[in-house]
Amino acid sequence: MPGHGPLPLPWPDALDDDWRYLLKVETQVRDLIAAGGRIEDAPGKVAQDERGRWQLFDEFHARNVTAAFAELEWE
C-alpha cells in the first residue's frame, strides 16, 4: 500500500485494488489448502491474474501468499 504522497483516488476507493488482491489471496489460499495443496506451490497458483496490476508483484507476492498459507493452514 502506498505510504507517501497524495492518494490516486478518493478515500476509501483508493484501497479497492488492495482489497481485491487480499481477498483473492485469502480465498485462493483457503481453496488450495482444502485441495491438499502445498505451501511451496502456493505463490505460483494463487492470484496470478493480479501480476499485471502491481509494480512490485514479483518482489512481494510470494511472501504475501506464503505468509497467508502459514496462517490459514491452521484454521
N, C-alpha and C. Protein backbone atom coordinates (compact mmCIF):
# COMPACT_ATOMS: atom_id res chain seq x y z
N MET A 1 0.84 -1.18 0.00
CA MET A 1 0.00 0.00 0.00
C MET A 1 0.88 1.24 0.00
N PRO A 2 0.49 2.25 -0.72
CA PRO A 2 1.28 3.48 -0.74
C PRO A 2 1.32 4.10 0.65
N GLY A 3 2.43 4.75 0.93
CA GLY A 3 2.56 5.38 2.23
C GLY A 3 2.90 6.85 2.16
N HIS A 4 3.18 7.35 0.97
CA HIS A 4 3.60 8.74 0.83
C HIS A 4 2.92 9.38 -0.37
N GLY A 5 2.68 10.66 -0.26
CA GLY A 5 2.10 11.40 -1.38
C GLY A 5 0.59 11.35 -1.40
N PRO A 6 0.02 12.03 -2.36
CA PRO A 6 -1.44 12.08 -2.45
C PRO A 6 -2.02 10.74 -2.89
N LEU A 7 -3.23 10.48 -2.47
CA LEU A 7 -3.91 9.26 -2.90
C LEU A 7 -4.31 9.39 -4.37
N PRO A 8 -4.20 8.30 -5.12
CA PRO A 8 -4.56 8.37 -6.54
C PRO A 8 -6.07 8.42 -6.77
N LEU A 9 -6.84 8.04 -5.77
CA LEU A 9 -8.29 8.04 -5.85
C LEU A 9 -8.85 8.56 -4.53
N PRO A 10 -10.09 9.00 -4.53
CA PRO A 10 -10.70 9.44 -3.27
C PRO A 10 -10.76 8.29 -2.26
N TRP A 11 -10.61 8.63 -1.00
CA TRP A 11 -10.70 7.65 0.07
C TRP A 11 -12.15 7.23 0.25
N PRO A 12 -12.52 6.00 0.47
CA PRO A 12 -11.68 4.80 0.58
C PRO A 12 -11.52 4.06 -0.74
N ASP A 13 -11.98 4.64 -1.85
CA ASP A 13 -11.86 3.98 -3.15
C ASP A 13 -10.41 3.66 -3.52
N ALA A 14 -9.48 4.37 -2.95
CA ALA A 14 -8.06 4.15 -3.25
C ALA A 14 -7.61 2.75 -2.83
N LEU A 15 -8.34 2.12 -1.95
CA LEU A 15 -7.96 0.79 -1.47
C LEU A 15 -8.63 -0.36 -2.24
N ASP A 16 -9.44 -0.06 -3.22
CA ASP A 16 -10.17 -1.11 -3.93
C ASP A 16 -9.25 -2.19 -4.51
N ASP A 17 -8.16 -1.78 -5.16
CA ASP A 17 -7.24 -2.76 -5.75
C ASP A 17 -6.56 -3.61 -4.68
N ASP A 18 -6.16 -2.98 -3.58
CA ASP A 18 -5.52 -3.72 -2.48
C ASP A 18 -6.51 -4.73 -1.89
N TRP A 19 -7.72 -4.29 -1.67
CA TRP A 19 -8.76 -5.14 -1.09
C TRP A 19 -9.03 -6.35 -1.99
N ARG A 20 -9.15 -6.10 -3.30
CA ARG A 20 -9.40 -7.18 -4.25
C ARG A 20 -8.26 -8.21 -4.21
N TYR A 21 -7.03 -7.73 -4.22
CA TYR A 21 -5.87 -8.63 -4.18
C TYR A 21 -5.87 -9.46 -2.91
N LEU A 22 -6.05 -8.81 -1.77
CA LEU A 22 -6.00 -9.54 -0.49
C LEU A 22 -7.13 -10.56 -0.37
N LEU A 23 -8.31 -10.22 -0.86
CA LEU A 23 -9.41 -11.19 -0.83
C LEU A 23 -9.13 -12.39 -1.73
N LYS A 24 -8.52 -12.14 -2.90
CA LYS A 24 -8.16 -13.25 -3.78
C LYS A 24 -7.12 -14.15 -3.11
N VAL A 25 -6.12 -13.54 -2.50
CA VAL A 25 -5.11 -14.33 -1.81
C VAL A 25 -5.77 -15.18 -0.73
N GLU A 26 -6.60 -14.58 0.09
CA GLU A 26 -7.25 -15.32 1.17
C GLU A 26 -8.10 -16.48 0.62
N THR A 27 -8.96 -16.18 -0.32
CA THR A 27 -9.87 -17.19 -0.86
C THR A 27 -9.12 -18.31 -1.57
N GLN A 28 -8.18 -17.94 -2.41
CA GLN A 28 -7.47 -18.95 -3.19
C GLN A 28 -6.50 -19.77 -2.34
N VAL A 29 -5.93 -19.18 -1.31
CA VAL A 29 -5.09 -19.96 -0.40
C VAL A 29 -5.96 -20.97 0.35
N ARG A 30 -7.10 -20.54 0.83
CA ARG A 30 -8.01 -21.47 1.51
C ARG A 30 -8.42 -22.62 0.59
N ASP A 31 -8.73 -22.29 -0.66
CA ASP A 31 -9.11 -23.33 -1.63
C ASP A 31 -7.95 -24.30 -1.87
N LEU A 32 -6.75 -23.78 -1.98
CA LEU A 32 -5.58 -24.61 -2.20
C LEU A 32 -5.33 -25.55 -1.02
N ILE A 33 -5.45 -25.02 0.18
CA ILE A 33 -5.29 -25.83 1.39
C ILE A 33 -6.34 -26.94 1.42
N ALA A 34 -7.58 -26.59 1.13
CA ALA A 34 -8.67 -27.58 1.15
C ALA A 34 -8.45 -28.69 0.12
N ALA A 35 -7.77 -28.35 -0.97
CA ALA A 35 -7.50 -29.33 -2.02
C ALA A 35 -6.22 -30.13 -1.75
N GLY A 36 -5.58 -29.86 -0.60
CA GLY A 36 -4.36 -30.59 -0.26
C GLY A 36 -3.11 -30.00 -0.87
N GLY A 37 -3.19 -28.75 -1.33
CA GLY A 37 -2.03 -28.10 -1.93
C GLY A 37 -0.92 -27.83 -0.92
N ARG A 38 0.27 -27.59 -1.44
CA ARG A 38 1.44 -27.38 -0.60
C ARG A 38 1.85 -25.91 -0.61
N ILE A 39 2.47 -25.49 0.49
CA ILE A 39 2.87 -24.09 0.63
C ILE A 39 3.84 -23.67 -0.47
N GLU A 40 4.73 -24.56 -0.87
CA GLU A 40 5.71 -24.19 -1.90
C GLU A 40 5.08 -24.01 -3.28
N ASP A 41 3.89 -24.54 -3.49
CA ASP A 41 3.18 -24.36 -4.77
C ASP A 41 2.29 -23.13 -4.78
N ALA A 42 1.98 -22.62 -3.61
CA ALA A 42 1.00 -21.53 -3.49
C ALA A 42 1.35 -20.27 -4.28
N PRO A 43 2.58 -19.74 -4.20
CA PRO A 43 2.85 -18.49 -4.93
C PRO A 43 2.60 -18.58 -6.43
N GLY A 44 2.83 -19.72 -7.02
CA GLY A 44 2.62 -19.88 -8.46
C GLY A 44 1.19 -20.18 -8.85
N LYS A 45 0.32 -20.43 -7.87
CA LYS A 45 -1.06 -20.80 -8.16
C LYS A 45 -2.09 -19.77 -7.68
N VAL A 46 -1.72 -18.93 -6.75
CA VAL A 46 -2.67 -18.03 -6.10
C VAL A 46 -2.57 -16.62 -6.69
N ALA A 47 -3.71 -16.06 -7.06
CA ALA A 47 -3.85 -14.67 -7.50
C ALA A 47 -2.89 -14.28 -8.62
N GLN A 48 -2.60 -15.19 -9.50
CA GLN A 48 -1.67 -14.89 -10.60
C GLN A 48 -2.23 -13.85 -11.57
N ASP A 49 -3.54 -13.73 -11.64
CA ASP A 49 -4.14 -12.74 -12.53
C ASP A 49 -3.91 -11.31 -12.05
N GLU A 50 -3.36 -11.14 -10.86
CA GLU A 50 -3.07 -9.81 -10.33
C GLU A 50 -1.69 -9.30 -10.76
N ARG A 51 -0.86 -10.15 -11.35
CA ARG A 51 0.52 -9.78 -11.70
C ARG A 51 0.61 -8.47 -12.48
N GLY A 52 -0.20 -8.28 -13.48
CA GLY A 52 -0.13 -7.09 -14.31
C GLY A 52 -0.63 -5.82 -13.64
N ARG A 53 -1.21 -5.95 -12.47
CA ARG A 53 -1.78 -4.79 -11.78
C ARG A 53 -0.88 -4.21 -10.71
N TRP A 54 0.23 -4.88 -10.42
CA TRP A 54 1.09 -4.47 -9.32
C TRP A 54 2.54 -4.35 -9.78
N GLN A 55 3.13 -3.17 -9.59
CA GLN A 55 4.53 -2.96 -9.98
C GLN A 55 5.48 -3.90 -9.24
N LEU A 56 5.23 -4.15 -7.99
CA LEU A 56 6.14 -4.95 -7.16
C LEU A 56 5.61 -6.37 -6.92
N PHE A 57 4.76 -6.85 -7.80
CA PHE A 57 4.19 -8.18 -7.64
C PHE A 57 5.27 -9.23 -7.49
N ASP A 58 6.24 -9.23 -8.39
CA ASP A 58 7.28 -10.26 -8.37
C ASP A 58 8.14 -10.19 -7.12
N GLU A 59 8.28 -9.01 -6.54
CA GLU A 59 9.09 -8.86 -5.34
C GLU A 59 8.36 -9.30 -4.06
N PHE A 60 7.05 -9.13 -4.00
CA PHE A 60 6.33 -9.34 -2.74
C PHE A 60 5.24 -10.42 -2.75
N HIS A 61 4.78 -10.81 -3.91
CA HIS A 61 3.66 -11.76 -3.97
C HIS A 61 3.97 -13.09 -3.29
N ALA A 62 5.10 -13.68 -3.56
CA ALA A 62 5.43 -14.98 -2.96
C ALA A 62 5.43 -14.89 -1.44
N ARG A 63 5.97 -13.82 -0.90
CA ARG A 63 5.98 -13.63 0.54
C ARG A 63 4.56 -13.49 1.09
N ASN A 64 3.74 -12.69 0.41
CA ASN A 64 2.35 -12.50 0.85
C ASN A 64 1.59 -13.82 0.90
N VAL A 65 1.71 -14.60 -0.16
CA VAL A 65 0.97 -15.85 -0.26
C VAL A 65 1.50 -16.88 0.74
N THR A 66 2.80 -16.95 0.88
CA THR A 66 3.39 -17.89 1.83
C THR A 66 2.97 -17.56 3.26
N ALA A 67 2.97 -16.28 3.60
CA ALA A 67 2.53 -15.87 4.94
C ALA A 67 1.06 -16.19 5.15
N ALA A 68 0.23 -15.94 4.14
CA ALA A 68 -1.20 -16.26 4.25
C ALA A 68 -1.40 -17.77 4.42
N PHE A 69 -0.67 -18.56 3.65
CA PHE A 69 -0.79 -20.01 3.75
C PHE A 69 -0.41 -20.48 5.15
N ALA A 70 0.71 -19.97 5.67
CA ALA A 70 1.17 -20.39 7.01
C ALA A 70 0.14 -20.07 8.09
N GLU A 71 -0.57 -18.98 7.95
CA GLU A 71 -1.60 -18.64 8.94
C GLU A 71 -2.88 -19.44 8.73
N LEU A 72 -3.31 -19.56 7.49
CA LEU A 72 -4.61 -20.16 7.21
C LEU A 72 -4.61 -21.69 7.29
N GLU A 73 -3.45 -22.32 7.17
CA GLU A 73 -3.46 -23.78 7.20
C GLU A 73 -3.83 -24.34 8.56
N TRP A 74 -3.80 -23.51 9.60
CA TRP A 74 -4.13 -23.98 10.95
C TRP A 74 -5.53 -23.62 11.40
N GLU A 75 -6.34 -23.13 10.50
CA GLU A 75 -7.73 -22.80 10.87
C GLU A 75 -8.52 -24.04 11.19
